[in-house]
Amino acid sequence: LHNEWVSALVLSKEGTLCASGSNSGVIKVCATDSGTEVWRRPAHNLRITGLSFANEGNQLASVGDDGAFASWDITRETAGGLLASFETGRSALFSLGNHATIMLDEFGLVHRYK
């Protein structure tokens, strides 16, 4: 998938997609049945530290060592699929079973995305 270290990895709830993030900030999404790359973006300026699928597997959230959170629609090509991006400082992502994602930011605040 990557020509460098993979720093984050997540499977979609349905198990049909696998997203990986690299030390250089690139995200790649592949179909699990064929290994075919279906989406790729330079997403962060530094290492990706967390990935989470949401919204039936069409959306992907990412956080990185650059202190940014980004939400992506992997079915859209417009603006590279970027839905939202903002600075959070250090943060962590967690995937919930109902296609939602929560982010814990560096201040201990919890943010929920659906």
N, C-alpha and C. Protein backbone atom coordinates (compact mmCIF):
# COMPACT_ATOMS: atom_id res chain seq x y z
N LEU A 1 0.80 -1.20 0.00
CA LEU A 1 0.00 0.00 0.00
C LEU A 1 0.85 1.27 0.00
N HIS A 2 1.77 1.37 0.95
CA HIS A 2 2.62 2.55 1.07
C HIS A 2 4.06 2.14 0.83
N ASN A 3 4.88 3.10 0.45
CA ASN A 3 6.31 2.85 0.29
C ASN A 3 7.07 3.28 1.53
N GLU A 4 6.38 3.41 2.63
CA GLU A 4 6.96 3.85 3.90
C GLU A 4 6.16 3.23 5.05
N TRP A 5 6.48 3.61 6.27
CA TRP A 5 5.80 3.07 7.43
C TRP A 5 4.32 3.47 7.45
N VAL A 6 3.48 2.51 7.77
CA VAL A 6 2.06 2.77 7.99
C VAL A 6 1.89 3.12 9.47
N SER A 7 1.29 4.28 9.74
CA SER A 7 1.15 4.75 11.11
C SER A 7 -0.26 4.63 11.65
N ALA A 8 -1.25 4.35 10.79
CA ALA A 8 -2.64 4.18 11.21
C ALA A 8 -3.33 3.24 10.23
N LEU A 9 -4.25 2.44 10.74
CA LEU A 9 -4.96 1.47 9.91
C LEU A 9 -6.35 1.25 10.47
N VAL A 10 -7.36 1.17 9.58
CA VAL A 10 -8.73 0.94 10.04
C VAL A 10 -9.50 0.20 8.94
N LEU A 11 -10.40 -0.68 9.36
CA LEU A 11 -11.33 -1.36 8.44
C LEU A 11 -12.70 -0.73 8.56
N SER A 12 -13.42 -0.65 7.44
CA SER A 12 -14.81 -0.18 7.50
C SER A 12 -15.64 -1.21 8.27
N LYS A 13 -16.78 -0.79 8.79
CA LYS A 13 -17.65 -1.68 9.58
C LYS A 13 -18.04 -2.91 8.78
N GLU A 14 -18.31 -2.72 7.49
CA GLU A 14 -18.71 -3.82 6.62
C GLU A 14 -17.54 -4.71 6.24
N GLY A 15 -16.32 -4.23 6.47
CA GLY A 15 -15.12 -4.99 6.14
C GLY A 15 -14.76 -4.95 4.66
N THR A 16 -15.37 -4.05 3.90
CA THR A 16 -15.10 -3.99 2.46
C THR A 16 -13.99 -3.01 2.09
N LEU A 17 -13.65 -2.10 3.02
CA LEU A 17 -12.61 -1.12 2.77
C LEU A 17 -11.60 -1.12 3.90
N CYS A 18 -10.35 -0.84 3.54
CA CYS A 18 -9.27 -0.70 4.50
C CYS A 18 -8.58 0.63 4.22
N ALA A 19 -8.47 1.48 5.22
CA ALA A 19 -7.78 2.76 5.08
C ALA A 19 -6.49 2.70 5.87
N SER A 20 -5.43 3.25 5.27
CA SER A 20 -4.14 3.30 5.94
C SER A 20 -3.57 4.70 5.83
N GLY A 21 -2.86 5.12 6.85
CA GLY A 21 -2.21 6.41 6.88
C GLY A 21 -0.72 6.23 7.07
N SER A 22 0.07 7.12 6.47
CA SER A 22 1.52 6.96 6.50
C SER A 22 2.20 8.03 7.34
N ASN A 23 3.51 7.84 7.55
CA ASN A 23 4.31 8.81 8.27
C ASN A 23 4.40 10.14 7.55
N SER A 24 4.22 10.15 6.23
CA SER A 24 4.30 11.40 5.48
C SER A 24 2.95 12.09 5.33
N GLY A 25 1.87 11.51 5.92
CA GLY A 25 0.56 12.15 5.91
C GLY A 25 -0.36 11.75 4.78
N VAL A 26 -0.03 10.70 4.05
CA VAL A 26 -0.85 10.23 2.94
C VAL A 26 -1.84 9.18 3.43
N ILE A 27 -3.10 9.29 2.98
CA ILE A 27 -4.12 8.27 3.27
C ILE A 27 -4.40 7.51 1.99
N LYS A 28 -4.49 6.18 2.12
CA LYS A 28 -4.90 5.32 1.00
C LYS A 28 -6.04 4.44 1.47
N VAL A 29 -7.04 4.27 0.60
CA VAL A 29 -8.17 3.39 0.88
C VAL A 29 -8.20 2.32 -0.21
N CYS A 30 -8.27 1.05 0.22
CA CYS A 30 -8.28 -0.07 -0.71
C CYS A 30 -9.49 -0.96 -0.46
N ALA A 31 -9.96 -1.60 -1.52
CA ALA A 31 -11.00 -2.62 -1.39
C ALA A 31 -10.35 -3.87 -0.81
N THR A 32 -10.97 -4.44 0.21
CA THR A 32 -10.36 -5.59 0.87
C THR A 32 -10.43 -6.87 0.04
N ASP A 33 -11.42 -6.98 -0.84
CA ASP A 33 -11.54 -8.21 -1.62
C ASP A 33 -10.50 -8.31 -2.74
N SER A 34 -10.09 -7.17 -3.30
CA SER A 34 -9.16 -7.19 -4.44
C SER A 34 -7.83 -6.51 -4.15
N GLY A 35 -7.78 -5.68 -3.11
CA GLY A 35 -6.58 -4.91 -2.83
C GLY A 35 -6.44 -3.68 -3.72
N THR A 36 -7.45 -3.41 -4.54
CA THR A 36 -7.42 -2.27 -5.45
C THR A 36 -7.54 -0.97 -4.69
N GLU A 37 -6.65 -0.03 -4.99
CA GLU A 37 -6.71 1.29 -4.37
C GLU A 37 -7.89 2.05 -4.96
N VAL A 38 -8.78 2.55 -4.08
CA VAL A 38 -9.97 3.25 -4.55
C VAL A 38 -9.93 4.75 -4.24
N TRP A 39 -9.02 5.18 -3.36
CA TRP A 39 -8.93 6.58 -2.99
C TRP A 39 -7.58 6.84 -2.36
N ARG A 40 -6.98 8.00 -2.68
CA ARG A 40 -5.70 8.37 -2.08
C ARG A 40 -5.61 9.89 -2.01
N ARG A 41 -5.12 10.39 -0.87
CA ARG A 41 -4.95 11.83 -0.72
C ARG A 41 -3.77 12.14 0.20
N PRO A 42 -3.01 13.19 -0.13
CA PRO A 42 -2.08 13.76 0.86
C PRO A 42 -2.95 14.53 1.86
N ALA A 43 -3.05 14.04 3.08
CA ALA A 43 -4.06 14.54 4.01
C ALA A 43 -3.50 15.41 5.13
N HIS A 44 -2.29 15.15 5.56
CA HIS A 44 -1.69 15.87 6.69
C HIS A 44 -0.24 16.19 6.36
N ASN A 45 0.30 17.19 7.06
CA ASN A 45 1.69 17.59 6.85
C ASN A 45 2.68 16.71 7.58
N LEU A 46 2.21 15.97 8.56
CA LEU A 46 3.05 15.06 9.34
C LEU A 46 2.35 13.70 9.45
N ARG A 47 2.89 12.82 10.25
CA ARG A 47 2.39 11.45 10.44
C ARG A 47 0.91 11.44 10.80
N ILE A 48 0.17 10.53 10.19
CA ILE A 48 -1.23 10.31 10.54
C ILE A 48 -1.27 9.42 11.78
N THR A 49 -2.03 9.85 12.79
CA THR A 49 -2.07 9.12 14.05
C THR A 49 -3.38 8.40 14.28
N GLY A 50 -4.42 8.72 13.50
CA GLY A 50 -5.70 8.05 13.69
C GLY A 50 -6.60 8.17 12.48
N LEU A 51 -7.35 7.10 12.22
CA LEU A 51 -8.32 7.05 11.14
C LEU A 51 -9.59 6.39 11.65
N SER A 52 -10.74 6.80 11.13
CA SER A 52 -12.00 6.19 11.52
C SER A 52 -13.02 6.36 10.40
N PHE A 53 -13.69 5.27 10.02
CA PHE A 53 -14.77 5.34 9.04
C PHE A 53 -16.06 5.76 9.74
N ALA A 54 -16.93 6.47 9.01
CA ALA A 54 -18.25 6.85 9.51
C ALA A 54 -19.21 6.90 8.33
N ASN A 55 -20.49 7.07 8.62
CA ASN A 55 -21.52 7.26 7.60
C ASN A 55 -21.51 6.16 6.54
N GLU A 56 -21.76 4.94 6.95
CA GLU A 56 -21.84 3.80 6.03
C GLU A 56 -20.55 3.54 5.27
N GLY A 57 -19.42 4.04 5.78
CA GLY A 57 -18.14 3.80 5.14
C GLY A 57 -17.81 4.78 4.03
N ASN A 58 -18.68 5.77 3.78
CA ASN A 58 -18.41 6.77 2.74
C ASN A 58 -17.52 7.90 3.25
N GLN A 59 -17.49 8.09 4.56
CA GLN A 59 -16.69 9.17 5.13
C GLN A 59 -15.57 8.60 5.99
N LEU A 60 -14.47 9.32 5.98
CA LEU A 60 -13.28 8.91 6.73
C LEU A 60 -12.79 10.13 7.50
N ALA A 61 -12.52 9.95 8.77
CA ALA A 61 -11.95 11.02 9.59
C ALA A 61 -10.49 10.69 9.83
N SER A 62 -9.67 11.75 9.92
CA SER A 62 -8.24 11.54 10.16
C SER A 62 -7.70 12.61 11.11
N VAL A 63 -6.71 12.23 11.91
CA VAL A 63 -5.96 13.16 12.74
C VAL A 63 -4.49 12.87 12.54
N GLY A 64 -3.67 13.90 12.75
CA GLY A 64 -2.24 13.72 12.54
C GLY A 64 -1.40 14.49 13.53
N ASP A 65 -0.09 14.23 13.49
CA ASP A 65 0.84 14.95 14.35
C ASP A 65 0.94 16.42 14.00
N ASP A 66 0.35 16.84 12.89
CA ASP A 66 0.33 18.26 12.53
C ASP A 66 -0.74 19.02 13.32
N GLY A 67 -1.50 18.31 14.18
CA GLY A 67 -2.51 18.95 15.01
C GLY A 67 -3.83 19.21 14.31
N ALA A 68 -4.04 18.58 13.16
CA ALA A 68 -5.26 18.81 12.39
C ALA A 68 -6.20 17.61 12.44
N PHE A 69 -7.49 17.92 12.37
CA PHE A 69 -8.55 16.93 12.17
C PHE A 69 -9.13 17.19 10.79
N ALA A 70 -9.40 16.14 10.04
CA ALA A 70 -10.03 16.30 8.72
C ALA A 70 -11.09 15.22 8.54
N SER A 71 -12.16 15.60 7.84
CA SER A 71 -13.23 14.68 7.49
C SER A 71 -13.32 14.62 5.97
N TRP A 72 -13.35 13.40 5.43
CA TRP A 72 -13.27 13.18 3.98
C TRP A 72 -14.47 12.39 3.49
N ASP A 73 -15.00 12.75 2.33
CA ASP A 73 -16.00 11.94 1.63
C ASP A 73 -15.24 11.21 0.53
N ILE A 74 -15.03 9.93 0.71
CA ILE A 74 -14.19 9.18 -0.23
C ILE A 74 -14.90 8.85 -1.54
N THR A 75 -16.16 9.29 -1.67
CA THR A 75 -16.88 9.09 -2.93
C THR A 75 -16.85 10.34 -3.80
N ARG A 76 -16.36 11.46 -3.27
CA ARG A 76 -16.34 12.72 -4.01
C ARG A 76 -14.93 13.07 -4.46
N GLU A 77 -14.83 13.62 -5.64
CA GLU A 77 -13.55 14.11 -6.15
C GLU A 77 -13.41 15.61 -5.94
N THR A 78 -14.53 16.32 -5.77
CA THR A 78 -14.50 17.77 -5.58
C THR A 78 -13.69 18.10 -4.33
N ALA A 79 -12.73 19.00 -4.46
CA ALA A 79 -11.85 19.41 -3.36
C ALA A 79 -11.15 18.21 -2.73
N GLY A 80 -10.93 17.19 -3.51
CA GLY A 80 -10.27 16.00 -2.99
C GLY A 80 -11.09 15.23 -1.99
N GLY A 81 -12.40 15.56 -1.91
CA GLY A 81 -13.28 14.89 -0.97
C GLY A 81 -13.27 15.50 0.42
N LEU A 82 -12.54 16.60 0.62
CA LEU A 82 -12.45 17.21 1.94
C LEU A 82 -13.79 17.83 2.33
N LEU A 83 -14.32 17.42 3.48
CA LEU A 83 -15.58 17.96 4.00
C LEU A 83 -15.32 19.06 5.04
N ALA A 84 -14.34 18.83 5.91
CA ALA A 84 -14.03 19.79 6.97
C ALA A 84 -12.61 19.56 7.46
N SER A 85 -12.00 20.63 7.92
CA SER A 85 -10.66 20.52 8.48
C SER A 85 -10.47 21.63 9.50
N PHE A 86 -9.88 21.30 10.64
CA PHE A 86 -9.58 22.32 11.64
C PHE A 86 -8.46 21.86 12.54
N GLU A 87 -7.83 22.82 13.19
CA GLU A 87 -6.73 22.53 14.11
C GLU A 87 -7.28 22.05 15.45
N THR A 88 -6.71 20.99 15.97
CA THR A 88 -7.17 20.45 17.24
C THR A 88 -6.05 20.30 18.25
N GLY A 89 -4.81 20.44 17.83
CA GLY A 89 -3.70 20.04 18.68
C GLY A 89 -3.63 18.53 18.64
N ARG A 90 -2.98 17.93 19.57
CA ARG A 90 -2.90 16.46 19.62
C ARG A 90 -4.28 15.90 19.93
N SER A 91 -4.68 14.86 19.20
CA SER A 91 -5.99 14.28 19.41
C SER A 91 -5.99 12.81 19.03
N ALA A 92 -7.04 12.11 19.40
CA ALA A 92 -7.19 10.69 19.09
C ALA A 92 -8.59 10.45 18.56
N LEU A 93 -8.72 9.50 17.64
CA LEU A 93 -10.02 9.14 17.06
C LEU A 93 -10.44 7.76 17.53
N PHE A 94 -11.74 7.59 17.72
CA PHE A 94 -12.31 6.30 18.08
C PHE A 94 -13.56 6.09 17.25
N SER A 95 -13.74 4.90 16.72
CA SER A 95 -14.90 4.58 15.91
C SER A 95 -15.96 3.92 16.79
N LEU A 96 -17.20 4.38 16.66
CA LEU A 96 -18.32 3.80 17.39
C LEU A 96 -19.05 2.82 16.47
N GLY A 97 -19.76 1.88 17.03
CA GLY A 97 -20.44 0.87 16.24
C GLY A 97 -21.57 1.37 15.37
N ASN A 98 -22.07 2.58 15.60
CA ASN A 98 -23.21 3.10 14.85
C ASN A 98 -22.77 4.05 13.74
N HIS A 99 -21.61 3.83 13.16
CA HIS A 99 -21.06 4.65 12.08
C HIS A 99 -20.70 6.06 12.54
N ALA A 100 -20.51 6.28 13.81
CA ALA A 100 -20.11 7.59 14.31
C ALA A 100 -18.66 7.52 14.77
N THR A 101 -18.05 8.67 14.86
CA THR A 101 -16.67 8.79 15.29
C THR A 101 -16.60 9.79 16.42
N ILE A 102 -15.79 9.51 17.43
CA ILE A 102 -15.55 10.50 18.47
C ILE A 102 -14.07 10.87 18.45
N MET A 103 -13.81 12.13 18.76
CA MET A 103 -12.44 12.61 18.83
C MET A 103 -12.21 13.15 20.23
N LEU A 104 -11.10 12.78 20.82
CA LEU A 104 -10.67 13.31 22.11
C LEU A 104 -9.53 14.27 21.82
N ASP A 105 -9.72 15.57 22.14
CA ASP A 105 -8.68 16.54 21.81
C ASP A 105 -7.69 16.69 22.96
N GLU A 106 -6.68 17.52 22.75
CA GLU A 106 -5.61 17.65 23.73
C GLU A 106 -6.07 18.28 25.04
N PHE A 107 -7.26 18.89 25.07
CA PHE A 107 -7.78 19.49 26.27
C PHE A 107 -8.73 18.57 27.03
N GLY A 108 -8.91 17.34 26.52
CA GLY A 108 -9.79 16.37 27.16
C GLY A 108 -11.23 16.50 26.74
N LEU A 109 -11.52 17.35 25.73
CA LEU A 109 -12.89 17.50 25.26
C LEU A 109 -13.22 16.41 24.26
N VAL A 110 -14.45 15.92 24.31
CA VAL A 110 -14.91 14.87 23.41
C VAL A 110 -15.83 15.49 22.36
N HIS A 111 -15.54 15.19 21.08
CA HIS A 111 -16.35 15.69 19.97
C HIS A 111 -16.91 14.48 19.24
N ARG A 112 -18.20 14.52 18.88
CA ARG A 112 -18.84 13.39 18.19
C ARG A 112 -19.20 13.80 16.76
N TYR A 113 -18.89 12.93 15.80
CA TYR A 113 -19.19 13.16 14.39
C TYR A 113 -19.98 11.99 13.87
N LYS A 114 -20.95 12.25 13.03
CA LYS A 114 -21.76 11.17 12.46
C LYS A 114 -21.69 11.19 10.97
